[in-house]
Amino acid sequence: MSETTPEPKTETMAETDSYTAWKAEEPDGETTYHLELNNVTVHFFKEEWDEFLELIHILK
């Protein structure tokens, strides 16, 4: 009998016609963040995401 790996729980955080920001609660307890920018997806761990948001805040 094979054991199945649990799927991450995903949540869309924001979405436009061309972009999507979503997060995933991974089975190991880690939260990852993802930006889909047309045909490019950028993946972040929590610490990287926090730093990215800080950068965006500075740009405003």
PDB file of N, CA and C in Angstrom:
ATOM      1  N   MET A   1       0.848  -1.172   0.000  1.00  0.00           N
ATOM      2  CA  MET A   1       0.000   0.000   0.000  1.00  0.00           C
ATOM      3  C   MET A   1       0.900   1.244   0.000  1.00  0.00           C
ATOM      4  N   SER A   2       0.662   2.169  -0.920  1.00  0.00           N
ATOM      5  CA  SER A   2       1.495   3.366  -1.019  1.00  0.00           C
ATOM      6  C   SER A   2       0.892   4.503  -0.201  1.00  0.00           C
ATOM      7  N   GLU A   3       1.768   5.252   0.400  1.00  0.00           N
ATOM      8  CA  GLU A   3       1.341   6.384   1.211  1.00  0.00           C
ATOM      9  C   GLU A   3       1.300   7.625   0.329  1.00  0.00           C
ATOM     10  N   THR A   4       0.223   8.407   0.402  1.00  0.00           N
ATOM     11  CA  THR A   4       0.119   9.614  -0.410  1.00  0.00           C
ATOM     12  C   THR A   4       0.656  10.805   0.366  1.00  0.00           C
ATOM     13  N   THR A   5       1.294  11.703  -0.342  1.00  0.00           N
ATOM     14  CA  THR A   5       1.812  12.931   0.246  1.00  0.00           C
ATOM     15  C   THR A   5       0.690  13.962   0.283  1.00  0.00           C
ATOM     16  N   PRO A   6       0.463  14.592   1.433  1.00  0.00           N
ATOM     17  CA  PRO A   6      -0.600  15.598   1.507  1.00  0.00           C
ATOM     18  C   PRO A   6      -0.301  16.783   0.588  1.00  0.00           C
ATOM     19  N   GLU A   7      -1.333  17.330   0.004  1.00  0.00           N
ATOM     20  CA  GLU A   7      -1.201  18.496  -0.863  1.00  0.00           C
ATOM     21  C   GLU A   7      -1.150  19.767  -0.024  1.00  0.00           C
ATOM     22  N   PRO A   8      -0.418  20.793  -0.480  1.00  0.00           N
ATOM     23  CA  PRO A   8      -0.421  22.064   0.253  1.00  0.00           C
ATOM     24  C   PRO A   8      -1.786  22.738   0.152  1.00  0.00           C
ATOM     25  N   LYS A   9      -2.135  23.502   1.167  1.00  0.00           N
ATOM     26  CA  LYS A   9      -3.362  24.302   1.143  1.00  0.00           C
ATOM     27  C   LYS A   9      -3.000  25.636   0.520  1.00  0.00           C
ATOM     28  N   THR A  10      -3.653  25.997  -0.582  1.00  0.00           N
ATOM     29  CA  THR A  10      -3.318  27.233  -1.283  1.00  0.00           C
ATOM     30  C   THR A  10      -4.427  28.265  -1.110  1.00  0.00           C
ATOM     31  N   GLU A  11      -4.016  29.525  -1.191  1.00  0.00           N
ATOM     32  CA  GLU A  11      -4.951  30.644  -1.078  1.00  0.00           C
ATOM     33  C   GLU A  11      -4.494  31.762  -2.002  1.00  0.00           C
ATOM     34  N   THR A  12      -5.374  32.232  -2.867  1.00  0.00           N
ATOM     35  CA  THR A  12      -5.079  33.393  -3.706  1.00  0.00           C
ATOM     36  C   THR A  12      -5.174  34.636  -2.846  1.00  0.00           C
ATOM     37  N   MET A  13      -4.105  35.429  -2.837  1.00  0.00           N
ATOM     38  CA  MET A  13      -4.048  36.636  -2.013  1.00  0.00           C
ATOM     39  C   MET A  13      -4.522  37.867  -2.782  1.00  0.00           C
ATOM     40  N   ALA A  14      -4.172  37.950  -4.066  1.00  0.00           N
ATOM     41  CA  ALA A  14      -4.575  39.070  -4.924  1.00  0.00           C
ATOM     42  C   ALA A  14      -4.447  38.621  -6.374  1.00  0.00           C
ATOM     43  N   GLU A  15      -5.260  39.250  -7.226  1.00  0.00           N
ATOM     44  CA  GLU A  15      -5.257  38.825  -8.630  1.00  0.00           C
ATOM     45  C   GLU A  15      -5.711  39.975  -9.526  1.00  0.00           C
ATOM     46  N   THR A  16      -5.020  40.129 -10.652  1.00  0.00           N
ATOM     47  CA  THR A  16      -5.439  41.054 -11.705  1.00  0.00           C
ATOM     48  C   THR A  16      -5.554  40.236 -12.987  1.00  0.00           C
ATOM     49  N   ASP A  17      -5.775  40.894 -14.107  1.00  0.00           N
ATOM     50  CA  ASP A  17      -5.861  40.170 -15.384  1.00  0.00           C
ATOM     51  C   ASP A  17      -4.560  39.449 -15.730  1.00  0.00           C
ATOM     52  N   SER A  18      -3.421  40.027 -15.348  1.00  0.00           N
ATOM     53  CA  SER A  18      -2.127  39.462 -15.745  1.00  0.00           C
ATOM     54  C   SER A  18      -1.305  38.874 -14.600  1.00  0.00           C
ATOM     55  N   TYR A  19      -1.635  39.199 -13.352  1.00  0.00           N
ATOM     56  CA  TYR A  19      -0.800  38.814 -12.219  1.00  0.00           C
ATOM     57  C   TYR A  19      -1.619  38.140 -11.126  1.00  0.00           C
ATOM     58  N   THR A  20      -0.962  37.222 -10.428  1.00  0.00           N
ATOM     59  CA  THR A  20      -1.594  36.558  -9.278  1.00  0.00           C
ATOM     60  C   THR A  20      -0.567  36.401  -8.170  1.00  0.00           C
ATOM     61  N   ALA A  21      -0.979  36.691  -6.950  1.00  0.00           N
ATOM     62  CA  ALA A  21      -0.166  36.423  -5.768  1.00  0.00           C
ATOM     63  C   ALA A  21      -0.926  35.390  -4.946  1.00  0.00           C
ATOM     64  N   TRP A  22      -0.238  34.302  -4.591  1.00  0.00           N
ATOM     65  CA  TRP A  22      -0.883  33.262  -3.799  1.00  0.00           C
ATOM     66  C   TRP A  22       0.103  32.671  -2.813  1.00  0.00           C
ATOM     67  N   LYS A  23      -0.437  32.029  -1.793  1.00  0.00           N
ATOM     68  CA  LYS A  23       0.431  31.396  -0.807  1.00  0.00           C
ATOM     69  C   LYS A  23       0.013  29.950  -0.625  1.00  0.00           C
ATOM     70  N   ALA A  24       0.956  29.161  -0.141  1.00  0.00           N
ATOM     71  CA  ALA A  24       0.716  27.740   0.096  1.00  0.00           C
ATOM     72  C   ALA A  24       1.196  27.370   1.486  1.00  0.00           C
ATOM     73  N   GLU A  25       0.334  26.714   2.237  1.00  0.00           N
ATOM     74  CA  GLU A  25       0.708  26.131   3.519  1.00  0.00           C
ATOM     75  C   GLU A  25       1.181  24.718   3.207  1.00  0.00           C
ATOM     76  N   GLU A  26       2.481  24.528   3.247  1.00  0.00           N
ATOM     77  CA  GLU A  26       3.066  23.244   2.873  1.00  0.00           C
ATOM     78  C   GLU A  26       2.836  22.195   3.968  1.00  0.00           C
ATOM     79  N   PRO A  27       2.809  20.910   3.594  1.00  0.00           N
ATOM     80  CA  PRO A  27       2.593  19.847   4.591  1.00  0.00           C
ATOM     81  C   PRO A  27       3.612  19.842   5.728  1.00  0.00           C
ATOM     82  N   ASP A  28       4.821  20.376   5.484  1.00  0.00           N
ATOM     83  CA  ASP A  28       5.843  20.393   6.530  1.00  0.00           C
ATOM     84  C   ASP A  28       5.725  21.603   7.459  1.00  0.00           C
ATOM     85  N   GLY A  29       4.673  22.431   7.260  1.00  0.00           N
ATOM     86  CA  GLY A  29       4.444  23.594   8.107  1.00  0.00           C
ATOM     87  C   GLY A  29       5.009  24.886   7.565  1.00  0.00           C
ATOM     88  N   GLU A  30       5.810  24.823   6.515  1.00  0.00           N
ATOM     89  CA  GLU A  30       6.392  26.018   5.889  1.00  0.00           C
ATOM     90  C   GLU A  30       5.320  26.720   5.055  1.00  0.00           C
ATOM     91  N   THR A  31       5.324  28.054   5.078  1.00  0.00           N
ATOM     92  CA  THR A  31       4.462  28.834   4.196  1.00  0.00           C
ATOM     93  C   THR A  31       5.316  29.370   3.061  1.00  0.00           C
ATOM     94  N   THR A  32       4.884  29.158   1.831  1.00  0.00           N
ATOM     95  CA  THR A  32       5.586  29.707   0.674  1.00  0.00           C
ATOM     96  C   THR A  32       4.655  30.671  -0.045  1.00  0.00           C
ATOM     97  N   TYR A  33       5.268  31.655  -0.705  1.00  0.00           N
ATOM     98  CA  TYR A  33       4.523  32.695  -1.415  1.00  0.00           C
ATOM     99  C   TYR A  33       4.944  32.657  -2.875  1.00  0.00           C
ATOM    100  N   HIS A  34       3.997  32.977  -3.759  1.00  0.00           N
ATOM    101  CA  HIS A  34       4.233  32.838  -5.189  1.00  0.00           C
ATOM    102  C   HIS A  34       3.634  34.030  -5.923  1.00  0.00           C
ATOM    103  N   LEU A  35       4.409  34.583  -6.849  1.00  0.00           N
ATOM    104  CA  LEU A  35       3.920  35.636  -7.732  1.00  0.00           C
ATOM    105  C   LEU A  35       3.934  35.095  -9.149  1.00  0.00           C
ATOM    106  N   GLU A  36       2.782  35.075  -9.780  1.00  0.00           N
ATOM    107  CA  GLU A  36       2.692  34.695 -11.190  1.00  0.00           C
ATOM    108  C   GLU A  36       2.588  35.979 -11.989  1.00  0.00           C
ATOM    109  N   LEU A  37       3.624  36.255 -12.778  1.00  0.00           N
ATOM    110  CA  LEU A  37       3.718  37.480 -13.567  1.00  0.00           C
ATOM    111  C   LEU A  37       3.721  37.083 -15.035  1.00  0.00           C
ATOM    112  N   ASN A  38       2.541  37.029 -15.622  1.00  0.00           N
ATOM    113  CA  ASN A  38       2.358  36.505 -16.967  1.00  0.00           C
ATOM    114  C   ASN A  38       2.899  35.078 -17.013  1.00  0.00           C
ATOM    115  N   ASN A  39       3.983  34.826 -17.744  1.00  0.00           N
ATOM    116  CA  ASN A  39       4.481  33.454 -17.869  1.00  0.00           C
ATOM    117  C   ASN A  39       5.666  33.155 -16.949  1.00  0.00           C
ATOM    118  N   VAL A  40       5.905  34.009 -15.955  1.00  0.00           N
ATOM    119  CA  VAL A  40       6.997  33.812 -14.998  1.00  0.00           C
ATOM    120  C   VAL A  40       6.392  33.665 -13.600  1.00  0.00           C
ATOM    121  N   THR A  41       6.856  32.679 -12.849  1.00  0.00           N
ATOM    122  CA  THR A  41       6.438  32.535 -11.455  1.00  0.00           C
ATOM    123  C   THR A  41       7.664  32.661 -10.564  1.00  0.00           C
ATOM    124  N   VAL A  42       7.553  33.516  -9.538  1.00  0.00           N
ATOM    125  CA  VAL A  42       8.622  33.719  -8.570  1.00  0.00           C
ATOM    126  C   VAL A  42       8.156  33.110  -7.247  1.00  0.00           C
ATOM    127  N   HIS A  43       9.007  32.283  -6.643  1.00  0.00           N
ATOM    128  CA  HIS A  43       8.676  31.591  -5.405  1.00  0.00           C
ATOM    129  C   HIS A  43       9.487  32.188  -4.255  1.00  0.00           C
ATOM    130  N   PHE A  44       8.841  32.374  -3.100  1.00  0.00           N
ATOM    131  CA  PHE A  44       9.486  32.957  -1.926  1.00  0.00           C
ATOM    132  C   PHE A  44       9.208  32.098  -0.696  1.00  0.00           C
ATOM    133  N   PHE A  45      10.212  31.973   0.169  1.00  0.00           N
ATOM    134  CA  PHE A  45       9.964  31.499   1.518  1.00  0.00           C
ATOM    135  C   PHE A  45       9.528  32.707   2.345  1.00  0.00           C
ATOM    136  N   LYS A  46       9.025  32.488   3.547  1.00  0.00           N
ATOM    137  CA  LYS A  46       8.463  33.553   4.380  1.00  0.00           C
ATOM    138  C   LYS A  46       9.431  34.724   4.562  1.00  0.00           C
ATOM    139  N   GLU A  47      10.674  34.444   4.888  1.00  0.00           N
ATOM    140  CA  GLU A  47      11.650  35.517   5.122  1.00  0.00           C
ATOM    141  C   GLU A  47      11.893  36.326   3.848  1.00  0.00           C
ATOM    142  N   GLU A  48      11.956  35.647   2.729  1.00  0.00           N
ATOM    143  CA  GLU A  48      12.159  36.328   1.445  1.00  0.00           C
ATOM    144  C   GLU A  48      10.944  37.179   1.098  1.00  0.00           C
ATOM    145  N   TRP A  49       9.757  36.658   1.370  1.00  0.00           N
ATOM    146  CA  TRP A  49       8.512  37.382   1.093  1.00  0.00           C
ATOM    147  C   TRP A  49       8.464  38.668   1.915  1.00  0.00           C
ATOM    148  N   ASP A  50       8.803  38.570   3.196  1.00  0.00           N
ATOM    149  CA  ASP A  50       8.801  39.749   4.060  1.00  0.00           C
ATOM    150  C   ASP A  50       9.754  40.817   3.529  1.00  0.00           C
ATOM    151  N   GLU A  51      10.934  40.404   3.081  1.00  0.00           N
ATOM    152  CA  GLU A  51      11.896  41.353   2.526  1.00  0.00           C
ATOM    153  C   GLU A  51      11.384  41.947   1.216  1.00  0.00           C
ATOM    154  N   PHE A  52      10.725  41.149   0.386  1.00  0.00           N
ATOM    155  CA  PHE A  52      10.149  41.639  -0.858  1.00  0.00           C
ATOM    156  C   PHE A  52       9.079  42.692  -0.572  1.00  0.00           C
ATOM    157  N   LEU A  53       8.223  42.444   0.415  1.00  0.00           N
ATOM    158  CA  LEU A  53       7.191  43.426   0.770  1.00  0.00           C
ATOM    159  C   LEU A  53       7.821  44.719   1.278  1.00  0.00           C
ATOM    160  N   GLU A  54       8.916  44.607   2.011  1.00  0.00           N
ATOM    161  CA  GLU A  54       9.646  45.790   2.468  1.00  0.00           C
ATOM    162  C   GLU A  54      10.159  46.592   1.277  1.00  0.00           C
ATOM    163  N   LEU A  55      10.692  45.906   0.283  1.00  0.00           N
ATOM    164  CA  LEU A  55      11.167  46.555  -0.940  1.00  0.00           C
ATOM    165  C   LEU A  55      10.023  47.280  -1.649  1.00  0.00           C
ATOM    166  N   ILE A  56       8.881  46.635  -1.776  1.00  0.00           N
ATOM    167  CA  ILE A  56       7.717  47.249  -2.434  1.00  0.00           C
ATOM    168  C   ILE A  56       7.272  48.495  -1.667  1.00  0.00           C
ATOM    169  N   HIS A  57       7.286  48.405  -0.348  1.00  0.00           N
ATOM    170  CA  HIS A  57       6.910  49.543   0.479  1.00  0.00           C
ATOM    171  C   HIS A  57       7.857  50.728   0.241  1.00  0.00           C
ATOM    172  N   ILE A  58       9.137  50.462   0.123  1.00  0.00           N
ATOM    173  CA  ILE A  58      10.129  51.521  -0.137  1.00  0.00           C
ATOM    174  C   ILE A  58       9.872  52.162  -1.510  1.00  0.00           C
ATOM    175  N   LEU A  59       9.462  51.372  -2.481  1.00  0.00           N
ATOM    176  CA  LEU A  59       9.210  51.884  -3.820  1.00  0.00           C
ATOM    177  C   LEU A  59       7.994  52.808  -3.892  1.00  0.00           C
ATOM    178  N   LYS A  60       7.065  52.650  -2.979  1.00  0.00           N
ATOM    179  CA  LYS A  60       5.853  53.476  -2.981  1.00  0.00           C
ATOM    180  C   LYS A  60       6.213  54.856  -2.688  1.00  0.00           C
TER     181      LYS A  60
END
